[in-house]
Amino acid sequence: MGHEQDQEPLSVADVAALTKMFEEHRSRLLIMLQSRIDPAMGARVSAEDILHETFFLARRRWHQFAASGMTPYSWLYRLAMDSLIEVWRRQNCDGRDPHREIPWPDRSSAQQALRLIDSATTPSEALAREELRLRVQEVLSQLKPIDREVLWMRHFDQLSFADLALLLHISENAAMKRYVRALRRLEKLLPELYPRGDEEP
């Protein structure tokens, strides 16, 4: 990792406050990390490993939290993503871009969350649903990285628009507009790439 600025040692009260805050959001952070680790990296490092790195990074940066203006979860979320990207870079020393390579969650809830398929789950529809899942993956790959990230952060990480704004360094209104624009691009691309009438009437 890059060199951190020297920080004064944490007091007992600081450690207690950080530990309490971290434990309050630990489960949510763990789920987020589990969804973002690709199988190849997951064979070598676990979400728990990255969560441990996140905690130590939070200790080093604790004195920056109060001045950040961020909510506890959005601050820890950013540190968890920093830790994930750093681990990804250590595992992939070939200059690839982690923002492009860290995968979109590969699960049917992706389509459900984005309203791209209905909730029917009968066996006769299983093949069509799997085909559409693959199509959604292809369409997502056509989006700009920031559009994919906004959709993911909103749907899978369940960030509020306020937290989204803080993480993207934009206003809450701009965050909402960026999300709506990304969703519209996704919904427009699907029938353009696969004009077979799969979308809802």
Protein backbone atom coordinates (compact mmCIF):
# COMPACT_ATOMS: atom_id res chain seq x y z
CA MET A 1 0.00 0.00 0.00
CA GLY A 2 1.02 3.61 -0.38
CA HIS A 3 2.60 5.38 2.54
CA GLU A 4 0.12 6.80 5.01
CA GLN A 5 0.74 10.16 6.57
CA ASP A 6 2.08 9.87 10.08
CA GLN A 7 -0.76 9.93 12.57
CA GLU A 8 -0.74 10.41 16.28
CA PRO A 9 -1.48 7.19 18.18
CA LEU A 10 -5.11 6.50 18.88
CA SER A 11 -6.36 6.90 22.40
CA VAL A 12 -8.25 4.13 24.14
CA ALA A 13 -11.45 6.10 23.55
CA ASP A 14 -10.65 6.42 19.84
CA VAL A 15 -10.02 2.69 19.48
CA ALA A 16 -13.26 1.94 21.32
CA ALA A 17 -15.24 4.35 19.11
CA LEU A 18 -13.74 2.94 15.91
CA THR A 19 -14.29 -0.66 17.01
CA LYS A 20 -17.92 0.05 17.89
CA MET A 21 -18.55 1.79 14.58
CA PHE A 22 -16.82 -0.98 12.63
CA GLU A 23 -18.79 -3.74 14.34
CA GLU A 24 -22.07 -1.93 13.65
CA HIS A 25 -21.37 -2.05 9.92
CA ARG A 26 -19.28 -5.21 9.74
CA SER A 27 -21.96 -7.53 8.35
CA ARG A 28 -22.98 -5.09 5.65
CA LEU A 29 -19.37 -4.50 4.62
CA LEU A 30 -18.71 -8.24 4.52
CA ILE A 31 -21.67 -8.88 2.23
CA MET A 32 -20.52 -6.06 -0.05
CA LEU A 33 -17.00 -7.48 -0.29
CA GLN A 34 -18.23 -11.03 -0.87
CA SER A 35 -20.27 -9.85 -3.86
CA ARG A 36 -17.30 -8.06 -5.41
CA ILE A 37 -14.59 -10.71 -5.12
CA ASP A 38 -14.23 -12.70 -8.32
CA PRO A 39 -13.74 -16.50 -8.04
CA ALA A 40 -10.10 -16.37 -9.13
CA MET A 41 -9.15 -13.91 -6.41
CA GLY A 42 -11.48 -15.56 -3.90
CA ALA A 43 -9.39 -18.73 -4.09
CA ARG A 44 -6.46 -16.78 -2.63
CA VAL A 45 -8.01 -14.15 -0.40
CA SER A 46 -11.35 -13.99 1.41
CA ALA A 47 -13.74 -11.15 2.17
CA GLU A 48 -12.76 -11.57 5.84
CA ASP A 49 -9.11 -10.97 4.91
CA ILE A 50 -10.01 -7.75 3.13
CA LEU A 51 -12.23 -6.72 6.02
CA HIS A 52 -9.27 -7.09 8.39
CA GLU A 53 -7.21 -4.86 6.12
CA THR A 54 -10.07 -2.38 6.10
CA PHE A 55 -10.06 -2.19 9.89
CA PHE A 56 -6.32 -1.51 10.05
CA LEU A 57 -6.66 1.10 7.32
CA ALA A 58 -9.47 2.71 9.33
CA ARG A 59 -7.19 2.84 12.37
CA ARG A 60 -4.52 4.64 10.35
CA ARG A 61 -7.03 7.12 8.97
CA TRP A 62 -9.28 7.50 12.00
CA HIS A 63 -8.30 11.12 12.60
CA GLN A 64 -9.52 11.96 9.09
CA PHE A 65 -13.05 10.67 9.72
CA ALA A 66 -14.46 13.64 11.62
CA ALA A 67 -13.29 16.10 8.97
CA SER A 68 -14.50 13.96 6.06
CA GLY A 69 -18.14 14.92 6.42
CA MET A 70 -19.08 11.34 5.54
CA THR A 71 -21.47 9.01 7.31
CA PRO A 72 -19.83 6.13 9.20
CA TYR A 73 -20.89 3.56 6.61
CA SER A 74 -19.90 5.57 3.55
CA TRP A 75 -16.47 6.25 5.11
CA LEU A 76 -15.91 2.57 5.91
CA TYR A 77 -17.30 1.60 2.50
CA ARG A 78 -14.68 3.75 0.79
CA LEU A 79 -11.91 2.21 2.90
CA ALA A 80 -13.19 -1.29 2.15
CA MET A 81 -13.15 -0.52 -1.58
CA ASP A 82 -9.63 0.94 -1.27
CA SER A 83 -8.53 -2.26 0.47
CA LEU A 84 -10.22 -4.47 -2.13
CA ILE A 85 -8.59 -2.60 -5.01
CA GLU A 86 -5.19 -2.75 -3.33
CA VAL A 87 -5.52 -6.52 -2.81
CA TRP A 88 -6.68 -6.92 -6.42
CA ARG A 89 -3.61 -5.03 -7.64
CA ARG A 90 -1.30 -7.20 -5.57
CA GLN A 91 -2.92 -10.29 -7.07
CA ASN A 92 -2.84 -8.92 -10.64
CA CYS A 93 0.50 -7.26 -11.36
CA ASP A 94 -0.16 -6.81 -15.07
CA GLY A 95 -1.44 -3.25 -15.19
CA ARG A 96 -5.10 -4.12 -15.61
CA ASP A 97 -7.73 -1.69 -14.35
CA PRO A 98 -9.48 -3.00 -11.21
CA HIS A 99 -12.48 -0.75 -11.86
CA ARG A 100 -13.08 -2.70 -15.08
CA GLU A 101 -12.03 -6.17 -13.91
CA ILE A 102 -13.77 -6.47 -10.53
CA PRO A 103 -16.96 -8.19 -11.71
CA TRP A 104 -20.63 -7.29 -11.57
CA PRO A 105 -22.46 -9.67 -9.19
CA ASP A 106 -23.24 -12.84 -11.11
CA ARG A 107 -26.68 -13.65 -9.73
CA SER A 108 -30.28 -13.48 -10.86
CA SER A 109 -31.09 -10.74 -8.36
CA ALA A 110 -29.20 -8.39 -10.68
CA GLN A 111 -32.02 -8.50 -13.19
CA GLN A 112 -34.70 -8.39 -10.53
CA ALA A 113 -33.17 -5.35 -8.87
CA LEU A 114 -32.94 -3.55 -12.20
CA ARG A 115 -36.48 -4.55 -13.26
CA LEU A 116 -35.18 -6.31 -16.36
CA ILE A 117 -37.08 -9.53 -15.72
CA ASP A 118 -40.24 -10.33 -13.79
CA SER A 119 -40.45 -12.44 -10.64
CA ALA A 120 -41.66 -15.65 -12.32
CA THR A 121 -39.57 -18.67 -11.40
CA THR A 122 -41.33 -21.62 -12.99
CA PRO A 123 -39.09 -24.40 -14.38
CA SER A 124 -40.32 -23.75 -17.93
CA GLU A 125 -38.86 -20.24 -17.74
CA ALA A 126 -35.49 -21.23 -16.30
CA LEU A 127 -33.71 -21.44 -19.65
CA ALA A 128 -35.07 -18.08 -20.81
CA ARG A 129 -34.07 -16.48 -17.51
CA GLU A 130 -30.53 -17.85 -17.78
CA GLU A 131 -30.27 -16.59 -21.36
CA LEU A 132 -31.45 -13.16 -20.27
CA ARG A 133 -28.98 -13.18 -17.38
CA LEU A 134 -26.16 -13.66 -19.88
CA ARG A 135 -27.59 -10.91 -22.02
CA VAL A 136 -27.71 -8.55 -19.05
CA GLN A 137 -24.06 -9.30 -18.33
CA GLU A 138 -23.19 -8.44 -21.94
CA VAL A 139 -25.19 -5.22 -21.86
CA LEU A 140 -23.57 -4.17 -18.59
CA SER A 141 -20.16 -4.62 -20.18
CA GLN A 142 -21.17 -2.00 -22.76
CA LEU A 143 -21.85 0.65 -20.13
CA LYS A 144 -19.26 3.15 -19.01
CA PRO A 145 -17.47 2.07 -15.81
CA ILE A 146 -19.04 4.94 -13.83
CA ASP A 147 -22.53 3.88 -14.96
CA ARG A 148 -21.92 0.27 -13.89
CA GLU A 149 -20.53 1.44 -10.59
CA VAL A 150 -23.46 3.75 -9.84
CA LEU A 151 -25.97 0.96 -10.55
CA TRP A 152 -24.03 -1.48 -8.42
CA MET A 153 -23.55 0.93 -5.50
CA ARG A 154 -27.24 1.79 -5.50
CA HIS A 155 -28.75 -1.68 -6.03
CA PHE A 156 -26.32 -4.17 -4.52
CA ASP A 157 -24.51 -2.12 -1.90
CA GLN A 158 -27.82 -0.36 -1.15
CA LEU A 159 -26.24 3.02 -0.66
CA SER A 160 -28.52 5.99 -0.17
CA PHE A 161 -28.30 8.81 -2.67
CA ALA A 162 -26.76 10.90 0.10
CA ASP A 163 -23.94 8.37 0.59
CA LEU A 164 -23.61 7.96 -3.17
CA ALA A 165 -23.10 11.71 -3.46
CA LEU A 166 -20.44 11.72 -0.76
CA LEU A 167 -18.52 8.86 -2.38
CA LEU A 168 -18.68 10.38 -5.85
CA HIS A 169 -17.96 13.95 -4.63
CA ILE A 170 -21.10 15.32 -6.23
CA SER A 171 -24.39 16.72 -4.96
CA GLU A 172 -27.22 14.41 -3.93
CA ASN A 173 -29.33 15.72 -6.81
CA ALA A 174 -26.50 15.02 -9.25
CA ALA A 175 -26.16 11.49 -7.82
CA MET A 176 -29.85 10.84 -8.43
CA LYS A 177 -29.60 12.15 -11.99
CA ARG A 178 -26.50 10.05 -12.69
CA TYR A 179 -28.26 6.94 -11.41
CA VAL A 180 -31.40 7.55 -13.48
CA ARG A 181 -29.27 8.22 -16.56
CA ALA A 182 -27.30 5.01 -16.05
CA LEU A 183 -30.49 2.98 -15.59
CA ARG A 184 -32.01 4.45 -18.74
CA ARG A 185 -28.86 3.62 -20.71
CA LEU A 186 -29.05 0.04 -19.46
CA GLU A 187 -32.73 -0.32 -20.32
CA LYS A 188 -32.13 1.21 -23.76
CA LEU A 189 -29.15 -1.01 -24.58
CA LEU A 190 -30.88 -4.30 -23.82
CA PRO A 191 -33.46 -4.17 -26.67
CA GLU A 192 -30.88 -2.59 -29.00
CA LEU A 193 -28.46 -5.49 -28.57
CA TYR A 194 -31.15 -8.17 -28.29
CA PRO A 195 -34.28 -7.02 -30.19
CA ARG A 196 -36.41 -10.05 -29.41
CA GLY A 197 -39.18 -8.52 -27.34
CA ASP A 198 -37.84 -9.79 -23.99
CA GLU A 199 -38.55 -6.47 -22.30
CA GLU A 200 -41.86 -5.96 -20.55
CA PRO A 201 -44.70 -4.61 -22.75
